[in-house]
Structures are given as C-alpha cells and as structure tokens.
C-alpha cells in the first residue's frame, strides 16, 4: 500500500496546522512545492506570509466547461 504524504499547504487547508504555522514554515519550501501546487497557489501563500493581503485560503480558478469539451 502506497502512503500519501501531504504538503504544507494541504496540511493547512485540512486544518492539521494553523495559518500562523503555515506562514512561518512556508519560507523553507521551494521548487518541489511549486511543482506540486502550482505557482499561483504558492505565490498566494507567500504573499499572505509577507502581508500583501489578508486572505487565508487559495481558491483554484473555475475553468469554463466550454473550453473542456470532449470532442
């Protein structure tokens, strides 16, 4: 059986760690986390840690179904 390891953002979003813990610890993560969650999500939490905004959760943008039609 393969085990699933959560990244720090998943740990926060599933409430295993606090927002403050995320903000303190995210600075130590880099390319691997960016590859896993995407640059927009990573930047969102880095900007939160730096005080650029007061939002606490990243919401993935909705992709229009019109663009994802199966042909």
C-alpha atoms as a PDB file:
ATOM      1  CA  UNK A   1       0.000   0.000   0.000  1.00  0.00           C
ATOM      2  CA  UNK A   2       1.352   3.388  -1.013  1.00  0.00           C
ATOM      3  CA  UNK A   3       1.286   6.108   1.632  1.00  0.00           C
ATOM      4  CA  UNK A   4       0.188   9.647   0.855  1.00  0.00           C
ATOM      5  CA  UNK A   5       2.320  12.500   2.162  1.00  0.00           C
ATOM      6  CA  UNK A   6       0.634  15.879   2.436  1.00  0.00           C
ATOM      7  CA  UNK A   7       2.499  19.042   1.567  1.00  0.00           C
ATOM      8  CA  UNK A   8       2.417  22.002   3.951  1.00  0.00           C
ATOM      9  CA  UNK A   9      -0.416  23.738   2.075  1.00  0.00           C
ATOM     10  CA  UNK A  10      -2.585  20.618   2.185  1.00  0.00           C
ATOM     11  CA  UNK A  11      -1.829  20.291   5.907  1.00  0.00           C
ATOM     12  CA  UNK A  12      -3.074  23.839   6.447  1.00  0.00           C
ATOM     13  CA  UNK A  13      -6.126  23.550   4.197  1.00  0.00           C
ATOM     14  CA  UNK A  14      -7.163  20.343   6.009  1.00  0.00           C
ATOM     15  CA  UNK A  15      -6.588  22.073   9.380  1.00  0.00           C
ATOM     16  CA  UNK A  16      -3.685  19.927  10.574  1.00  0.00           C
ATOM     17  CA  UNK A  17      -1.624  23.085  11.137  1.00  0.00           C
ATOM     18  CA  UNK A  18      -2.598  26.685  11.854  1.00  0.00           C
ATOM     19  CA  UNK A  19      -2.362  29.612   9.453  1.00  0.00           C
ATOM     20  CA  UNK A  20       0.427  31.026  11.586  1.00  0.00           C
ATOM     21  CA  UNK A  21       2.397  27.761  11.314  1.00  0.00           C
ATOM     22  CA  UNK A  22       1.966  27.799   7.547  1.00  0.00           C
ATOM     23  CA  UNK A  23       3.150  31.401   7.275  1.00  0.00           C
ATOM     24  CA  UNK A  24       6.194  30.677   9.397  1.00  0.00           C
ATOM     25  CA  UNK A  25       7.190  27.440   7.685  1.00  0.00           C
ATOM     26  CA  UNK A  26       6.397  28.095   4.006  1.00  0.00           C
ATOM     27  CA  UNK A  27       9.575  30.115   3.524  1.00  0.00           C
ATOM     28  CA  UNK A  28      11.601  26.881   3.687  1.00  0.00           C
ATOM     29  CA  UNK A  29       9.813  25.311   0.723  1.00  0.00           C
ATOM     30  CA  UNK A  30      10.703  25.920  -2.880  1.00  0.00           C
ATOM     31  CA  UNK A  31      10.587  24.329  -6.283  1.00  0.00           C
ATOM     32  CA  UNK A  32       9.136  20.967  -5.192  1.00  0.00           C
ATOM     33  CA  UNK A  33       6.137  22.655  -3.556  1.00  0.00           C
ATOM     34  CA  UNK A  34       5.687  24.981  -6.536  1.00  0.00           C
ATOM     35  CA  UNK A  35       5.667  21.963  -8.856  1.00  0.00           C
ATOM     36  CA  UNK A  36       3.095  20.237  -6.671  1.00  0.00           C
ATOM     37  CA  UNK A  37       0.587  23.063  -6.048  1.00  0.00           C
ATOM     38  CA  UNK A  38       1.323  25.446  -8.912  1.00  0.00           C
ATOM     39  CA  UNK A  39       2.933  28.867  -8.971  1.00  0.00           C
ATOM     40  CA  UNK A  40      -0.306  30.820  -8.396  1.00  0.00           C
ATOM     41  CA  UNK A  41      -1.209  28.893  -5.242  1.00  0.00           C
ATOM     42  CA  UNK A  42       2.364  29.055  -3.900  1.00  0.00           C
ATOM     43  CA  UNK A  43       2.593  32.806  -4.567  1.00  0.00           C
ATOM     44  CA  UNK A  44      -0.764  33.362  -2.881  1.00  0.00           C
ATOM     45  CA  UNK A  45       0.516  31.886   0.397  1.00  0.00           C
ATOM     46  CA  UNK A  46       3.913  33.607   0.122  1.00  0.00           C
ATOM     47  CA  UNK A  47       2.111  36.930  -0.375  1.00  0.00           C
ATOM     48  CA  UNK A  48      -0.083  36.173   2.653  1.00  0.00           C
ATOM     49  CA  UNK A  49       3.027  35.428   4.708  1.00  0.00           C
ATOM     50  CA  UNK A  50       4.573  38.715   3.560  1.00  0.00           C
ATOM     51  CA  UNK A  51       1.442  40.679   4.499  1.00  0.00           C
ATOM     52  CA  UNK A  52       0.365  41.645   0.966  1.00  0.00           C
ATOM     53  CA  UNK A  53      -3.224  40.545   1.640  1.00  0.00           C
ATOM     54  CA  UNK A  54      -5.437  39.213   4.436  1.00  0.00           C
ATOM     55  CA  UNK A  55      -6.942  36.225   2.625  1.00  0.00           C
ATOM     56  CA  UNK A  56      -6.400  32.820   4.213  1.00  0.00           C
ATOM     57  CA  UNK A  57      -7.336  30.280   1.544  1.00  0.00           C
ATOM     58  CA  UNK A  58      -6.439  29.986  -2.120  1.00  0.00           C
ATOM     59  CA  UNK A  59      -9.367  29.043  -4.345  1.00  0.00           C
ATOM     60  CA  UNK A  60      -8.490  27.453  -7.658  1.00  0.00           C
ATOM     61  CA  UNK A  61      -9.965  29.403 -10.567  1.00  0.00           C
ATOM     62  CA  UNK A  62     -13.036  27.917 -12.228  1.00  0.00           C
ATOM     63  CA  UNK A  63     -12.369  26.677 -15.744  1.00  0.00           C
ATOM     64  CA  UNK A  64     -15.248  27.092 -18.118  1.00  0.00           C
ATOM     65  CA  UNK A  65     -16.748  23.811 -19.277  1.00  0.00           C
ATOM     66  CA  UNK A  66     -16.971  25.331 -22.738  1.00  0.00           C
ATOM     67  CA  UNK A  67     -13.178  25.098 -23.032  1.00  0.00           C
ATOM     68  CA  UNK A  68     -13.015  21.498 -21.770  1.00  0.00           C
ATOM     69  CA  UNK A  69     -15.450  19.801 -24.148  1.00  0.00           C
ATOM     70  CA  UNK A  70     -14.553  16.301 -25.215  1.00  0.00           C
ATOM     71  CA  UNK A  71     -14.557  16.053 -28.991  1.00  0.00           C
END
